[in-house]
Amino acid sequence: MVDDPSLVNTAPFEGGWLFKVRVAGEPDDLLTADEYAAFSAGN
């Protein structure tokens, strides 16, 4: 990321992370990427 800031746009799910978040436990109601795409397409 430091060497190639364009990764934010070109590889957001691979090397384009700005930060990582670690949570203690995973909420039951998180959407998958496909579910979110379908949800946001309807809005």
PDB file of N, CA and C in Angstrom:
ATOM      1  N   MET A   1       0.821  -1.184   0.000  1.00  0.00           N
ATOM      2  CA  MET A   1       0.000   0.000   0.000  1.00  0.00           C
ATOM      3  C   MET A   1       0.862   1.243   0.000  1.00  0.00           C
ATOM      4  N   VAL A   2       1.897   1.271   0.783  1.00  0.00           N
ATOM      5  CA  VAL A   2       2.782   2.436   0.835  1.00  0.00           C
ATOM      6  C   VAL A   2       3.477   2.630  -0.507  1.00  0.00           C
ATOM      7  N   ASP A   3       3.879   1.537  -1.131  1.00  0.00           N
ATOM      8  CA  ASP A   3       4.595   1.612  -2.405  1.00  0.00           C
ATOM      9  C   ASP A   3       3.687   1.874  -3.591  1.00  0.00           C
ATOM     10  N   ASP A   4       2.408   1.528  -3.479  1.00  0.00           N
ATOM     11  CA  ASP A   4       1.481   1.678  -4.603  1.00  0.00           C
ATOM     12  C   ASP A   4       0.078   2.045  -4.102  1.00  0.00           C
ATOM     13  N   PRO A   5      -0.177   3.338  -3.826  1.00  0.00           N
ATOM     14  CA  PRO A   5      -1.479   3.756  -3.304  1.00  0.00           C
ATOM     15  C   PRO A   5      -2.654   3.455  -4.233  1.00  0.00           C
ATOM     16  N   SER A   6      -2.403   3.219  -5.508  1.00  0.00           N
ATOM     17  CA  SER A   6      -3.497   2.926  -6.432  1.00  0.00           C
ATOM     18  C   SER A   6      -4.170   1.589  -6.112  1.00  0.00           C
ATOM     19  N   LEU A   7      -3.554   0.778  -5.258  1.00  0.00           N
ATOM     20  CA  LEU A   7      -4.157  -0.502  -4.879  1.00  0.00           C
ATOM     21  C   LEU A   7      -5.510  -0.318  -4.203  1.00  0.00           C
ATOM     22  N   VAL A   8      -5.733   0.831  -3.602  1.00  0.00           N
ATOM     23  CA  VAL A   8      -7.037   1.104  -2.983  1.00  0.00           C
ATOM     24  C   VAL A   8      -8.141   0.958  -4.026  1.00  0.00           C
ATOM     25  N   ASN A   9      -7.883   1.408  -5.239  1.00  0.00           N
ATOM     26  CA  ASN A   9      -8.875   1.346  -6.313  1.00  0.00           C
ATOM     27  C   ASN A   9      -8.786   0.078  -7.150  1.00  0.00           C
ATOM     28  N   THR A  10      -7.584  -0.439  -7.340  1.00  0.00           N
ATOM     29  CA  THR A  10      -7.422  -1.567  -8.254  1.00  0.00           C
ATOM     30  C   THR A  10      -7.494  -2.931  -7.577  1.00  0.00           C
ATOM     31  N   ALA A  11      -7.216  -3.004  -6.282  1.00  0.00           N
ATOM     32  CA  ALA A  11      -7.234  -4.299  -5.578  1.00  0.00           C
ATOM     33  C   ALA A  11      -7.770  -4.125  -4.156  1.00  0.00           C
ATOM     34  N   PRO A  12      -9.002  -3.634  -4.006  1.00  0.00           N
ATOM     35  CA  PRO A  12      -9.517  -3.338  -2.674  1.00  0.00           C
ATOM     36  C   PRO A  12      -9.691  -4.556  -1.775  1.00  0.00           C
ATOM     37  N   PHE A  13      -9.830  -5.754  -2.343  1.00  0.00           N
ATOM     38  CA  PHE A  13     -10.005  -6.953  -1.527  1.00  0.00           C
ATOM     39  C   PHE A  13      -8.700  -7.722  -1.346  1.00  0.00           C
ATOM     40  N   GLU A  14      -7.634  -7.284  -1.994  1.00  0.00           N
ATOM     41  CA  GLU A  14      -6.344  -7.963  -1.886  1.00  0.00           C
ATOM     42  C   GLU A  14      -5.342  -7.065  -1.167  1.00  0.00           C
ATOM     43  N   GLY A  15      -4.598  -6.244  -1.891  1.00  0.00           N
ATOM     44  CA  GLY A  15      -3.522  -5.454  -1.292  1.00  0.00           C
ATOM     45  C   GLY A  15      -3.863  -4.010  -0.998  1.00  0.00           C
ATOM     46  N   GLY A  16      -5.099  -3.597  -1.233  1.00  0.00           N
ATOM     47  CA  GLY A  16      -5.456  -2.191  -1.073  1.00  0.00           C
ATOM     48  C   GLY A  16      -6.030  -1.804   0.274  1.00  0.00           C
ATOM     49  N   TRP A  17      -5.712  -2.555   1.305  1.00  0.00           N
ATOM     50  CA  TRP A  17      -6.249  -2.264   2.636  1.00  0.00           C
ATOM     51  C   TRP A  17      -5.609  -1.026   3.224  1.00  0.00           C
ATOM     52  N   LEU A  18      -6.416  -0.148   3.824  1.00  0.00           N
ATOM     53  CA  LEU A  18      -5.902   0.994   4.572  1.00  0.00           C
ATOM     54  C   LEU A  18      -5.645   0.594   6.024  1.00  0.00           C
ATOM     55  N   PHE A  19      -6.503  -0.264   6.535  1.00  0.00           N
ATOM     56  CA  PHE A  19      -6.343  -0.775   7.895  1.00  0.00           C
ATOM     57  C   PHE A  19      -7.123  -2.077   8.023  1.00  0.00           C
ATOM     58  N   LYS A  20      -6.814  -2.844   9.024  1.00  0.00           N
ATOM     59  CA  LYS A  20      -7.540  -4.076   9.312  1.00  0.00           C
ATOM     60  C   LYS A  20      -8.191  -3.932  10.679  1.00  0.00           C
ATOM     61  N   VAL A  21      -9.343  -4.535  10.817  1.00  0.00           N
ATOM     62  CA  VAL A  21     -10.088  -4.497  12.076  1.00  0.00           C
ATOM     63  C   VAL A  21     -10.242  -5.922  12.590  1.00  0.00           C
ATOM     64  N   ARG A  22      -9.943  -6.122  13.820  1.00  0.00           N
ATOM     65  CA  ARG A  22     -10.141  -7.429  14.441  1.00  0.00           C
ATOM     66  C   ARG A  22     -11.261  -7.270  15.469  1.00  0.00           C
ATOM     67  N   VAL A  23     -12.272  -8.096  15.361  1.00  0.00           N
ATOM     68  CA  VAL A  23     -13.396  -8.042  16.286  1.00  0.00           C
ATOM     69  C   VAL A  23     -13.398  -9.289  17.159  1.00  0.00           C
ATOM     70  N   ALA A  24     -13.955  -9.145  18.332  1.00  0.00           N
ATOM     71  CA  ALA A  24     -14.091 -10.284  19.237  1.00  0.00           C
ATOM     72  C   ALA A  24     -15.460 -10.901  18.997  1.00  0.00           C
ATOM     73  N   GLY A  25     -15.511 -11.910  18.139  1.00  0.00           N
ATOM     74  CA  GLY A  25     -16.787 -12.529  17.780  1.00  0.00           C
ATOM     75  C   GLY A  25     -17.358 -11.878  16.542  1.00  0.00           C
ATOM     76  N   GLU A  26     -18.134 -12.609  15.803  1.00  0.00           N
ATOM     77  CA  GLU A  26     -18.718 -12.097  14.560  1.00  0.00           C
ATOM     78  C   GLU A  26     -20.225 -11.966  14.725  1.00  0.00           C
ATOM     79  N   PRO A  27     -20.766 -10.785  14.404  1.00  0.00           N
ATOM     80  CA  PRO A  27     -22.225 -10.612  14.493  1.00  0.00           C
ATOM     81  C   PRO A  27     -22.942 -11.595  13.570  1.00  0.00           C
ATOM     82  N   ASP A  28     -24.139 -11.979  13.957  1.00  0.00           N
ATOM     83  CA  ASP A  28     -24.914 -12.952  13.192  1.00  0.00           C
ATOM     84  C   ASP A  28     -25.526 -12.378  11.921  1.00  0.00           C
ATOM     85  N   ASP A  29     -25.621 -11.057  11.826  1.00  0.00           N
ATOM     86  CA  ASP A  29     -26.373 -10.459  10.721  1.00  0.00           C
ATOM     87  C   ASP A  29     -25.507  -9.759   9.670  1.00  0.00           C
ATOM     88  N   LEU A  30     -24.244 -10.141   9.537  1.00  0.00           N
ATOM     89  CA  LEU A  30     -23.399  -9.551   8.501  1.00  0.00           C
ATOM     90  C   LEU A  30     -23.799 -10.076   7.126  1.00  0.00           C
ATOM     91  N   LEU A  31     -23.702  -9.220   6.124  1.00  0.00           N
ATOM     92  CA  LEU A  31     -23.996  -9.615   4.749  1.00  0.00           C
ATOM     93  C   LEU A  31     -22.721 -10.079   4.059  1.00  0.00           C
ATOM     94  N   THR A  32     -22.854 -11.008   3.145  1.00  0.00           N
ATOM     95  CA  THR A  32     -21.728 -11.367   2.283  1.00  0.00           C
ATOM     96  C   THR A  32     -21.585 -10.269   1.234  1.00  0.00           C
ATOM     97  N   ALA A  33     -20.506 -10.289   0.473  1.00  0.00           N
ATOM     98  CA  ALA A  33     -20.304  -9.298  -0.582  1.00  0.00           C
ATOM     99  C   ALA A  33     -21.441  -9.367  -1.605  1.00  0.00           C
ATOM    100  N   ASP A  34     -21.872 -10.567  -1.972  1.00  0.00           N
ATOM    101  CA  ASP A  34     -22.959 -10.724  -2.943  1.00  0.00           C
ATOM    102  C   ASP A  34     -24.288 -10.222  -2.375  1.00  0.00           C
ATOM    103  N   GLU A  35     -24.547 -10.502  -1.108  1.00  0.00           N
ATOM    104  CA  GLU A  35     -25.783 -10.032  -0.476  1.00  0.00           C
ATOM    105  C   GLU A  35     -25.806  -8.506  -0.411  1.00  0.00           C
ATOM    106  N   TYR A  36     -24.648  -7.902  -0.085  1.00  0.00           N
ATOM    107  CA  TYR A  36     -24.579  -6.449  -0.011  1.00  0.00           C
ATOM    108  C   TYR A  36     -24.785  -5.824  -1.389  1.00  0.00           C
ATOM    109  N   ALA A  37     -24.188  -6.420  -2.427  1.00  0.00           N
ATOM    110  CA  ALA A  37     -24.359  -5.903  -3.788  1.00  0.00           C
ATOM    111  C   ALA A  37     -25.823  -5.936  -4.197  1.00  0.00           C
ATOM    112  N   ALA A  38     -26.500  -7.021  -3.880  1.00  0.00           N
ATOM    113  CA  ALA A  38     -27.938  -7.134  -4.198  1.00  0.00           C
ATOM    114  C   ALA A  38     -28.747  -6.115  -3.390  1.00  0.00           C
ATOM    115  N   PHE A  39     -28.413  -5.951  -2.128  1.00  0.00           N
ATOM    116  CA  PHE A  39     -29.113  -5.008  -1.266  1.00  0.00           C
ATOM    117  C   PHE A  39     -28.924  -3.577  -1.751  1.00  0.00           C
ATOM    118  N   SER A  40     -27.669  -3.206  -2.058  1.00  0.00           N
ATOM    119  CA  SER A  40     -27.401  -1.825  -2.461  1.00  0.00           C
ATOM    120  C   SER A  40     -27.903  -1.530  -3.871  1.00  0.00           C
ATOM    121  N   ALA A  41     -28.045  -2.536  -4.721  1.00  0.00           N
ATOM    122  CA  ALA A  41     -28.572  -2.326  -6.069  1.00  0.00           C
ATOM    123  C   ALA A  41     -30.049  -1.942  -6.012  1.00  0.00           C
ATOM    124  N   GLY A  42     -30.746  -2.368  -4.973  1.00  0.00           N
ATOM    125  CA  GLY A  42     -32.171  -2.076  -4.837  1.00  0.00           C
ATOM    126  C   GLY A  42     -32.446  -0.717  -4.235  1.00  0.00           C
ATOM    127  N   ASN A  43     -31.424  -0.005  -3.796  1.00  0.00           N
ATOM    128  CA  ASN A  43     -31.633   1.315  -3.159  1.00  0.00           C
ATOM    129  C   ASN A  43     -31.332   2.446  -4.093  1.00  0.00           C
TER     130      ASN A  43
END
